[in-house]
Amino acid sequence: MNSDGEQLAWRETYFVLFSTERRPTMAKVEKAISRASSRLRVTDLQSTEDGLFISAVVQAPEDNAAMEISYEAGESVVEQSTDLAQKLRKQLDGDQLAQLIRADARLDVMHFERLADSGDQYDLGDEFGDDDDELLDESLDPASLITVVDALTQITRGLAFDPASGDLMV
């Protein structure tokens, strides 16, 4: 997913939950993301023989970010959707709740930040530097992640979920 010598740090993962009937084609994913922002480049696309989406990498050079998207389906997704529906039933309207209960497929959107070369050729570690995580949190712009998740939500008519906060993005 990255160029030679480039380092990436995982930051977060979002899920887009939907029915397998709405599984997009590779072409539809590429088109939706490309239309959502000219700053995004879709690479490493993989699909089934029928053209259905399996995975892709989205590069966002201006945001120093990259995203890896992969398709998941099956019993674990059904269990996750059911658990979410139970936890969020008071927060969701009837249509959203029904949609979540029917969800048996998921797109995982893993968000990575490109790390600048620290230039620490003497391996001084953190003794003389700032806390790397603090610096990364300050420089990471989530705009590309939100754009990609929104595009995927639209083409699947799915529900976006942030597992870190436990909330649906509605």
N, C-alpha and C. Protein backbone atom coordinates (compact mmCIF):
# COMPACT_ATOMS: atom_id res chain seq x y z
N MET A 1 0.82 -1.19 0.00
CA MET A 1 0.00 0.00 0.00
C MET A 1 0.86 1.26 0.00
N ASN A 2 2.11 1.16 0.37
CA ASN A 2 2.93 2.35 0.43
C ASN A 2 4.16 2.23 -0.45
N SER A 3 4.76 3.38 -0.74
CA SER A 3 5.95 3.43 -1.57
C SER A 3 7.16 2.96 -0.78
N ASP A 4 8.24 2.69 -1.48
CA ASP A 4 9.47 2.27 -0.81
C ASP A 4 9.89 3.29 0.23
N GLY A 5 10.20 2.83 1.41
CA GLY A 5 10.69 3.69 2.46
C GLY A 5 9.63 4.51 3.17
N GLU A 6 8.42 4.46 2.71
CA GLU A 6 7.34 5.23 3.32
C GLU A 6 6.72 4.42 4.45
N GLN A 7 6.46 5.08 5.56
CA GLN A 7 5.84 4.39 6.69
C GLN A 7 4.42 4.88 6.87
N LEU A 8 3.55 3.94 7.22
CA LEU A 8 2.15 4.26 7.49
C LEU A 8 1.81 3.83 8.90
N ALA A 9 1.00 4.63 9.57
CA ALA A 9 0.53 4.29 10.91
C ALA A 9 -0.99 4.19 10.88
N TRP A 10 -1.51 3.04 11.35
CA TRP A 10 -2.95 2.86 11.40
C TRP A 10 -3.52 3.82 12.43
N ARG A 11 -4.62 4.47 12.08
CA ARG A 11 -5.25 5.42 12.98
C ARG A 11 -6.63 4.98 13.44
N GLU A 12 -7.46 4.49 12.53
CA GLU A 12 -8.83 4.10 12.89
C GLU A 12 -9.43 3.27 11.78
N THR A 13 -10.51 2.59 12.11
CA THR A 13 -11.26 1.81 11.12
C THR A 13 -12.73 2.15 11.25
N TYR A 14 -13.36 2.41 10.13
CA TYR A 14 -14.81 2.62 10.08
C TYR A 14 -15.41 1.46 9.31
N PHE A 15 -16.68 1.15 9.59
CA PHE A 15 -17.40 0.10 8.87
C PHE A 15 -18.59 0.72 8.15
N VAL A 16 -18.90 0.19 6.98
CA VAL A 16 -20.14 0.51 6.29
C VAL A 16 -20.91 -0.80 6.22
N LEU A 17 -22.03 -0.87 6.93
CA LEU A 17 -22.83 -2.09 7.03
C LEU A 17 -24.01 -2.02 6.07
N PHE A 18 -24.26 -3.13 5.35
CA PHE A 18 -25.32 -3.14 4.34
C PHE A 18 -25.70 -4.58 4.01
N SER A 19 -26.70 -4.74 3.17
CA SER A 19 -27.15 -6.05 2.72
C SER A 19 -26.29 -6.52 1.55
N THR A 20 -25.96 -7.81 1.51
CA THR A 20 -25.13 -8.33 0.42
C THR A 20 -25.74 -8.07 -0.95
N GLU A 21 -27.05 -7.89 -1.00
CA GLU A 21 -27.72 -7.57 -2.27
C GLU A 21 -27.21 -6.25 -2.85
N ARG A 22 -26.65 -5.39 -2.00
CA ARG A 22 -26.17 -4.07 -2.41
C ARG A 22 -24.65 -4.04 -2.60
N ARG A 23 -24.02 -5.23 -2.65
CA ARG A 23 -22.57 -5.27 -2.84
C ARG A 23 -22.21 -4.56 -4.15
N PRO A 24 -21.34 -3.57 -4.08
CA PRO A 24 -21.02 -2.81 -5.29
C PRO A 24 -20.00 -3.52 -6.18
N THR A 25 -19.97 -3.10 -7.42
CA THR A 25 -18.94 -3.58 -8.33
C THR A 25 -17.67 -2.77 -8.07
N MET A 26 -16.57 -3.30 -8.56
CA MET A 26 -15.31 -2.59 -8.45
C MET A 26 -15.40 -1.24 -9.16
N ALA A 27 -16.01 -1.24 -10.35
CA ALA A 27 -16.13 -0.01 -11.14
C ALA A 27 -16.96 1.04 -10.40
N LYS A 28 -18.01 0.61 -9.72
CA LYS A 28 -18.88 1.55 -9.01
C LYS A 28 -18.14 2.19 -7.83
N VAL A 29 -17.34 1.40 -7.12
CA VAL A 29 -16.56 1.92 -6.00
C VAL A 29 -15.54 2.94 -6.51
N GLU A 30 -14.83 2.58 -7.56
CA GLU A 30 -13.82 3.48 -8.12
C GLU A 30 -14.45 4.79 -8.57
N LYS A 31 -15.56 4.70 -9.26
CA LYS A 31 -16.25 5.88 -9.78
C LYS A 31 -16.77 6.76 -8.64
N ALA A 32 -17.38 6.15 -7.63
CA ALA A 32 -17.95 6.92 -6.51
C ALA A 32 -16.87 7.68 -5.75
N ILE A 33 -15.74 7.04 -5.50
CA ILE A 33 -14.66 7.69 -4.76
C ILE A 33 -14.01 8.77 -5.61
N SER A 34 -13.78 8.48 -6.88
CA SER A 34 -13.17 9.47 -7.77
C SER A 34 -14.05 10.70 -7.93
N ARG A 35 -15.35 10.50 -8.00
CA ARG A 35 -16.29 11.62 -8.11
C ARG A 35 -16.38 12.42 -6.81
N ALA A 36 -16.22 11.75 -5.68
CA ALA A 36 -16.36 12.40 -4.38
C ALA A 36 -15.29 13.46 -4.16
N SER A 37 -14.08 13.21 -4.67
CA SER A 37 -13.00 14.17 -4.51
C SER A 37 -11.90 13.91 -5.53
N SER A 38 -11.48 14.97 -6.18
CA SER A 38 -10.38 14.84 -7.15
C SER A 38 -9.04 14.65 -6.44
N ARG A 39 -9.02 14.83 -5.13
CA ARG A 39 -7.79 14.65 -4.35
C ARG A 39 -7.50 13.19 -4.02
N LEU A 40 -8.45 12.31 -4.31
CA LEU A 40 -8.31 10.89 -3.97
C LEU A 40 -7.93 10.08 -5.19
N ARG A 41 -6.99 9.14 -5.01
CA ARG A 41 -6.59 8.22 -6.08
C ARG A 41 -6.88 6.79 -5.62
N VAL A 42 -7.62 6.06 -6.43
CA VAL A 42 -7.96 4.67 -6.11
C VAL A 42 -6.98 3.76 -6.82
N THR A 43 -6.33 2.87 -6.06
CA THR A 43 -5.33 1.97 -6.62
C THR A 43 -5.56 0.55 -6.10
N ASP A 44 -4.81 -0.38 -6.64
CA ASP A 44 -4.81 -1.77 -6.16
C ASP A 44 -6.21 -2.37 -6.05
N LEU A 45 -7.05 -2.09 -7.04
CA LEU A 45 -8.42 -2.60 -7.05
C LEU A 45 -8.43 -4.11 -7.29
N GLN A 46 -9.24 -4.80 -6.52
CA GLN A 46 -9.43 -6.24 -6.70
C GLN A 46 -10.92 -6.53 -6.74
N SER A 47 -11.28 -7.45 -7.63
CA SER A 47 -12.70 -7.81 -7.76
C SER A 47 -12.84 -9.31 -8.01
N THR A 48 -14.07 -9.77 -7.87
CA THR A 48 -14.38 -11.16 -8.22
C THR A 48 -14.39 -11.26 -9.75
N GLU A 49 -14.52 -12.48 -10.25
CA GLU A 49 -14.62 -12.67 -11.70
C GLU A 49 -15.84 -11.96 -12.27
N ASP A 50 -16.86 -11.78 -11.45
CA ASP A 50 -18.08 -11.09 -11.88
C ASP A 50 -17.98 -9.57 -11.75
N GLY A 51 -16.83 -9.07 -11.31
CA GLY A 51 -16.64 -7.63 -11.19
C GLY A 51 -17.07 -7.03 -9.86
N LEU A 52 -17.45 -7.89 -8.90
CA LEU A 52 -17.86 -7.38 -7.59
C LEU A 52 -16.64 -6.98 -6.76
N PHE A 53 -16.78 -5.94 -6.01
CA PHE A 53 -15.69 -5.36 -5.23
C PHE A 53 -15.17 -6.32 -4.16
N ILE A 54 -13.83 -6.42 -4.07
CA ILE A 54 -13.17 -7.16 -2.99
C ILE A 54 -12.37 -6.20 -2.12
N SER A 55 -11.47 -5.42 -2.77
CA SER A 55 -10.65 -4.50 -1.98
C SER A 55 -10.04 -3.43 -2.88
N ALA A 56 -9.56 -2.38 -2.23
CA ALA A 56 -8.88 -1.29 -2.93
C ALA A 56 -8.10 -0.47 -1.92
N VAL A 57 -7.19 0.33 -2.44
CA VAL A 57 -6.45 1.29 -1.63
C VAL A 57 -6.79 2.67 -2.17
N VAL A 58 -7.04 3.59 -1.27
CA VAL A 58 -7.31 4.98 -1.65
C VAL A 58 -6.16 5.82 -1.11
N GLN A 59 -5.50 6.52 -2.01
CA GLN A 59 -4.40 7.41 -1.64
C GLN A 59 -4.94 8.83 -1.54
N ALA A 60 -4.58 9.53 -0.48
CA ALA A 60 -4.94 10.93 -0.28
C ALA A 60 -3.67 11.70 0.06
N PRO A 61 -2.82 11.94 -0.96
CA PRO A 61 -1.51 12.55 -0.70
C PRO A 61 -1.57 13.91 0.00
N GLU A 62 -2.55 14.74 -0.35
CA GLU A 62 -2.65 16.07 0.26
C GLU A 62 -3.01 16.00 1.74
N ASP A 63 -3.63 14.92 2.16
CA ASP A 63 -3.99 14.73 3.57
C ASP A 63 -2.98 13.85 4.30
N ASN A 64 -1.90 13.46 3.61
CA ASN A 64 -0.92 12.52 4.18
C ASN A 64 -1.60 11.28 4.70
N ALA A 65 -2.56 10.77 3.92
CA ALA A 65 -3.35 9.63 4.37
C ALA A 65 -3.51 8.60 3.27
N ALA A 66 -3.86 7.41 3.69
CA ALA A 66 -4.22 6.32 2.78
C ALA A 66 -5.29 5.50 3.49
N MET A 67 -6.15 4.88 2.70
CA MET A 67 -7.19 4.02 3.26
C MET A 67 -7.19 2.70 2.52
N GLU A 68 -7.34 1.64 3.26
CA GLU A 68 -7.50 0.32 2.66
C GLU A 68 -8.94 -0.10 2.90
N ILE A 69 -9.62 -0.44 1.81
CA ILE A 69 -11.03 -0.83 1.90
C ILE A 69 -11.14 -2.30 1.55
N SER A 70 -11.87 -3.06 2.36
CA SER A 70 -12.06 -4.47 2.05
C SER A 70 -13.50 -4.89 2.35
N TYR A 71 -13.97 -5.85 1.58
CA TYR A 71 -15.33 -6.37 1.71
C TYR A 71 -15.33 -7.58 2.63
N GLU A 72 -16.29 -7.61 3.53
CA GLU A 72 -16.48 -8.75 4.44
C GLU A 72 -17.96 -9.12 4.43
N ALA A 73 -18.25 -10.39 4.58
CA ALA A 73 -19.64 -10.85 4.67
C ALA A 73 -19.67 -12.14 5.47
N GLY A 74 -20.85 -12.46 5.96
CA GLY A 74 -20.99 -13.74 6.66
C GLY A 74 -21.50 -13.59 8.07
N GLU A 75 -21.38 -14.68 8.80
CA GLU A 75 -21.95 -14.78 10.14
C GLU A 75 -21.39 -13.74 11.11
N SER A 76 -20.10 -13.45 11.03
CA SER A 76 -19.53 -12.47 11.96
C SER A 76 -20.12 -11.08 11.74
N VAL A 77 -20.41 -10.74 10.49
CA VAL A 77 -21.03 -9.44 10.19
C VAL A 77 -22.47 -9.43 10.69
N VAL A 78 -23.18 -10.53 10.51
CA VAL A 78 -24.56 -10.63 11.01
C VAL A 78 -24.58 -10.46 12.52
N GLU A 79 -23.67 -11.13 13.23
CA GLU A 79 -23.59 -11.01 14.68
C GLU A 79 -23.30 -9.58 15.11
N GLN A 80 -22.34 -8.95 14.41
CA GLN A 80 -21.99 -7.56 14.73
C GLN A 80 -23.19 -6.63 14.51
N SER A 81 -23.88 -6.80 13.40
CA SER A 81 -25.05 -5.97 13.10
C SER A 81 -26.15 -6.15 14.13
N THR A 82 -26.39 -7.38 14.53
CA THR A 82 -27.41 -7.67 15.54
C THR A 82 -27.05 -7.04 16.88
N ASP A 83 -25.79 -7.18 17.28
CA ASP A 83 -25.33 -6.57 18.53
C ASP A 83 -25.49 -5.05 18.49
N LEU A 84 -25.11 -4.46 17.37
CA LEU A 84 -25.24 -3.00 17.23
C LEU A 84 -26.70 -2.57 17.30
N ALA A 85 -27.55 -3.32 16.64
CA ALA A 85 -28.98 -2.99 16.64
C ALA A 85 -29.52 -3.01 18.07
N GLN A 86 -29.10 -3.98 18.87
CA GLN A 86 -29.56 -4.05 20.26
C GLN A 86 -29.04 -2.86 21.07
N LYS A 87 -27.77 -2.51 20.87
CA LYS A 87 -27.17 -1.41 21.63
C LYS A 87 -27.73 -0.05 21.24
N LEU A 88 -28.05 0.12 19.96
CA LEU A 88 -28.45 1.43 19.45
C LEU A 88 -29.94 1.57 19.20
N ARG A 89 -30.73 0.61 19.61
CA ARG A 89 -32.16 0.60 19.25
C ARG A 89 -32.91 1.85 19.70
N LYS A 90 -32.50 2.46 20.80
CA LYS A 90 -33.19 3.67 21.28
C LYS A 90 -32.75 4.92 20.53
N GLN A 91 -31.60 4.85 19.87
CA GLN A 91 -31.06 6.01 19.16
C GLN A 91 -31.46 6.05 17.69
N LEU A 92 -31.91 4.92 17.15
CA LEU A 92 -32.19 4.83 15.72
C LEU A 92 -33.69 4.86 15.45
N ASP A 93 -34.03 5.38 14.26
CA ASP A 93 -35.44 5.30 13.87
C ASP A 93 -35.72 3.89 13.35
N GLY A 94 -36.97 3.58 13.11
CA GLY A 94 -37.38 2.23 12.71
C GLY A 94 -36.72 1.73 11.45
N ASP A 95 -36.59 2.60 10.44
CA ASP A 95 -35.96 2.20 9.18
C ASP A 95 -34.48 1.87 9.36
N GLN A 96 -33.78 2.71 10.13
CA GLN A 96 -32.35 2.46 10.38
C GLN A 96 -32.15 1.17 11.16
N LEU A 97 -33.00 0.95 12.14
CA LEU A 97 -32.90 -0.27 12.95
C LEU A 97 -33.13 -1.50 12.08
N ALA A 98 -34.15 -1.47 11.24
CA ALA A 98 -34.44 -2.60 10.34
C ALA A 98 -33.28 -2.82 9.37
N GLN A 99 -32.72 -1.74 8.87
CA GLN A 99 -31.58 -1.83 7.94
C GLN A 99 -30.38 -2.47 8.63
N LEU A 100 -30.13 -2.07 9.85
CA LEU A 100 -29.01 -2.62 10.61
C LEU A 100 -29.22 -4.10 10.90
N ILE A 101 -30.43 -4.49 11.23
CA ILE A 101 -30.72 -5.90 11.51
C ILE A 101 -30.53 -6.76 10.25
N ARG A 102 -30.85 -6.21 9.08
CA ARG A 102 -30.70 -6.95 7.81
C ARG A 102 -29.27 -6.98 7.28
N ALA A 103 -28.39 -6.14 7.82
CA ALA A 103 -27.02 -6.04 7.30
C ALA A 103 -26.26 -7.35 7.49
N ASP A 104 -25.77 -7.89 6.39
CA ASP A 104 -24.97 -9.11 6.44
C ASP A 104 -23.66 -8.96 5.67
N ALA A 105 -23.33 -7.72 5.33
CA ALA A 105 -22.08 -7.43 4.63
C ALA A 105 -21.52 -6.12 5.18
N ARG A 106 -20.22 -5.94 4.96
CA ARG A 106 -19.55 -4.78 5.53
C ARG A 106 -18.36 -4.40 4.67
N LEU A 107 -18.13 -3.10 4.54
CA LEU A 107 -16.89 -2.60 3.98
C LEU A 107 -16.07 -2.05 5.14
N ASP A 108 -14.86 -2.57 5.31
CA ASP A 108 -13.95 -2.07 6.34
C ASP A 108 -13.10 -0.98 5.70
N VAL A 109 -13.07 0.19 6.31
CA VAL A 109 -12.26 1.30 5.79
C VAL A 109 -11.20 1.60 6.85
N MET A 110 -9.99 1.11 6.59
CA MET A 110 -8.88 1.31 7.53
C MET A 110 -8.13 2.57 7.12
N HIS A 111 -8.00 3.49 8.05
CA HIS A 111 -7.40 4.80 7.80
C HIS A 111 -5.96 4.80 8.32
N PHE A 112 -5.03 5.17 7.45
CA PHE A 112 -3.62 5.22 7.80
C PHE A 112 -3.09 6.62 7.58
N GLU A 113 -2.13 7.01 8.40
CA GLU A 113 -1.44 8.28 8.19
C GLU A 113 -0.04 8.00 7.68
N ARG A 114 0.35 8.76 6.66
CA ARG A 114 1.71 8.69 6.15
C ARG A 114 2.62 9.40 7.14
N LEU A 115 3.68 8.72 7.55
CA LEU A 115 4.60 9.31 8.52
C LEU A 115 5.77 9.94 7.79
N ALA A 116 6.09 11.15 8.20
CA ALA A 116 7.26 11.82 7.63
C ALA A 116 8.50 11.14 8.19
N ASP A 117 9.55 11.10 7.39
CA ASP A 117 10.81 10.53 7.85
C ASP A 117 11.32 11.39 8.99
N SER A 118 11.51 10.79 10.14
CA SER A 118 11.92 11.56 11.32
C SER A 118 13.36 12.03 11.23
N GLY A 119 14.15 11.40 10.38
CA GLY A 119 15.54 11.80 10.26
C GLY A 119 16.35 11.43 11.48
N ASP A 120 15.87 10.53 12.29
CA ASP A 120 16.56 10.13 13.51
C ASP A 120 17.64 9.11 13.17
N GLN A 121 18.65 9.58 12.45
CA GLN A 121 19.70 8.65 12.01
C GLN A 121 20.58 8.17 13.15
N TYR A 122 20.52 8.86 14.30
CA TYR A 122 21.33 8.46 15.44
C TYR A 122 20.55 7.65 16.46
N ASP A 123 19.30 7.30 16.12
CA ASP A 123 18.45 6.47 16.97
C ASP A 123 18.37 7.01 18.39
N LEU A 124 18.03 8.31 18.49
CA LEU A 124 17.89 8.94 19.80
C LEU A 124 16.56 8.63 20.45
N GLY A 125 15.63 8.09 19.68
CA GLY A 125 14.33 7.73 20.22
C GLY A 125 13.54 8.95 20.64
N ASP A 126 12.65 8.77 21.61
CA ASP A 126 11.78 9.85 22.05
C ASP A 126 12.41 10.72 23.14
N GLU A 127 13.63 10.38 23.56
CA GLU A 127 14.24 11.11 24.65
C GLU A 127 14.37 12.60 24.35
N PHE A 128 14.64 12.93 23.07
CA PHE A 128 14.84 14.32 22.71
C PHE A 128 13.76 14.85 21.78
N GLY A 129 12.70 14.10 21.60
CA GLY A 129 11.66 14.52 20.66
C GLY A 129 10.30 14.59 21.32
N ASP A 130 9.35 15.11 20.56
CA ASP A 130 7.97 15.17 21.04
C ASP A 130 7.33 13.80 20.93
N ASP A 131 6.24 13.63 21.62
CA ASP A 131 5.48 12.39 21.54
C ASP A 131 4.90 12.25 20.14
N ASP A 132 5.29 11.18 19.43
CA ASP A 132 4.86 10.98 18.04
C ASP A 132 3.35 10.95 17.90
N ASP A 133 2.64 10.25 18.79
CA ASP A 133 1.19 10.15 18.68
C ASP A 133 0.53 11.51 18.80
N GLU A 134 1.06 12.36 19.68
CA GLU A 134 0.51 13.71 19.83
C GLU A 134 0.66 14.49 18.54
N LEU A 135 1.84 14.42 17.94
CA LEU A 135 2.08 15.13 16.68
C LEU A 135 1.19 14.60 15.58
N LEU A 136 1.03 13.28 15.51
CA LEU A 136 0.20 12.69 14.47
C LEU A 136 -1.25 13.11 14.62
N ASP A 137 -1.76 13.11 15.85
CA ASP A 137 -3.14 13.49 16.07
C ASP A 137 -3.40 14.93 15.64
N GLU A 138 -2.40 15.80 15.83
CA GLU A 138 -2.56 17.19 15.46
C GLU A 138 -2.54 17.39 13.96
N SER A 139 -1.82 16.55 13.22
CA SER A 139 -1.66 16.77 11.79
C SER A 139 -2.61 15.93 10.93
N LEU A 140 -3.31 14.99 11.50
CA LEU A 140 -4.17 14.11 10.73
C LEU A 140 -5.52 14.77 10.46
N ASP A 141 -5.81 14.99 9.19
CA ASP A 141 -7.08 15.58 8.78
C ASP A 141 -7.99 14.44 8.33
N PRO A 142 -9.14 14.26 8.98
CA PRO A 142 -10.01 13.14 8.64
C PRO A 142 -10.90 13.38 7.41
N ALA A 143 -10.70 14.48 6.71
CA ALA A 143 -11.59 14.82 5.58
C ALA A 143 -11.65 13.72 4.53
N SER A 144 -10.52 13.16 4.18
CA SER A 144 -10.52 12.11 3.14
C SER A 144 -11.24 10.87 3.63
N LEU A 145 -11.06 10.50 4.89
CA LEU A 145 -11.77 9.35 5.45
C LEU A 145 -13.28 9.56 5.41
N ILE A 146 -13.72 10.72 5.84
CA ILE A 146 -15.15 11.01 5.85
C ILE A 146 -15.71 11.01 4.43
N THR A 147 -14.96 11.54 3.48
CA THR A 147 -15.39 11.57 2.08
C THR A 147 -15.55 10.16 1.53
N VAL A 148 -14.58 9.29 1.80
CA VAL A 148 -14.63 7.91 1.31
C VAL A 148 -15.78 7.14 1.97
N VAL A 149 -15.92 7.26 3.28
CA VAL A 149 -17.00 6.55 3.98
C VAL A 149 -18.35 7.02 3.46
N ASP A 150 -18.50 8.31 3.23
CA ASP A 150 -19.76 8.84 2.71
C ASP A 150 -20.06 8.29 1.32
N ALA A 151 -19.05 8.24 0.45
CA ALA A 151 -19.25 7.71 -0.91
C ALA A 151 -19.67 6.24 -0.86
N LEU A 152 -19.03 5.46 0.01
CA LEU A 152 -19.36 4.04 0.13
C LEU A 152 -20.75 3.83 0.72
N THR A 153 -21.12 4.68 1.65
CA THR A 153 -22.45 4.61 2.25
C THR A 153 -23.52 4.88 1.20
N GLN A 154 -23.26 5.84 0.33
CA GLN A 154 -24.23 6.17 -0.71
C GLN A 154 -24.42 5.03 -1.71
N ILE A 155 -23.33 4.43 -2.17
CA ILE A 155 -23.49 3.39 -3.21
C ILE A 155 -24.03 2.08 -2.66
N THR A 156 -23.85 1.84 -1.37
CA THR A 156 -24.38 0.60 -0.78
C THR A 156 -25.72 0.83 -0.07
N ARG A 157 -26.08 2.09 0.07
CA ARG A 157 -27.23 2.49 0.89
C ARG A 157 -27.09 1.90 2.30
N GLY A 158 -25.84 1.90 2.76
CA GLY A 158 -25.53 1.31 4.05
C GLY A 158 -25.51 2.31 5.18
N LEU A 159 -25.09 1.82 6.33
CA LEU A 159 -24.95 2.63 7.53
C LEU A 159 -23.48 2.63 7.93
N ALA A 160 -22.92 3.82 8.14
CA ALA A 160 -21.53 3.95 8.54
C ALA A 160 -21.44 3.88 10.06
N PHE A 161 -20.46 3.13 10.54
CA PHE A 161 -20.30 2.91 11.97
C PHE A 161 -18.86 3.16 12.37
N ASP A 162 -18.68 3.91 13.45
CA ASP A 162 -17.36 4.17 14.02
C ASP A 162 -17.23 3.30 15.27
N PRO A 163 -16.49 2.20 15.19
CA PRO A 163 -16.41 1.30 16.34
C PRO A 163 -15.71 1.91 17.55
N ALA A 164 -14.84 2.89 17.33
CA ALA A 164 -14.14 3.51 18.46
C ALA A 164 -15.11 4.28 19.36
N SER A 165 -16.05 4.98 18.75
CA SER A 165 -17.03 5.74 19.54
C SER A 165 -18.29 4.93 19.82
N GLY A 166 -18.51 3.88 19.02
CA GLY A 166 -19.72 3.08 19.17
C GLY A 166 -20.95 3.73 18.55
N ASP A 167 -20.73 4.70 17.66
CA ASP A 167 -21.84 5.45 17.08
C ASP A 167 -21.97 5.21 15.58
N LEU A 168 -23.21 5.31 15.12
CA LEU A 168 -23.48 5.34 13.68
C LEU A 168 -23.27 6.77 13.21
N MET A 169 -22.75 6.91 12.01
CA MET A 169 -22.59 8.24 11.41
C MET A 169 -23.81 8.48 10.53
N VAL A 170 -24.80 9.17 11.06
CA VAL A 170 -26.03 9.42 10.29
C VAL A 170 -26.19 10.87 9.94
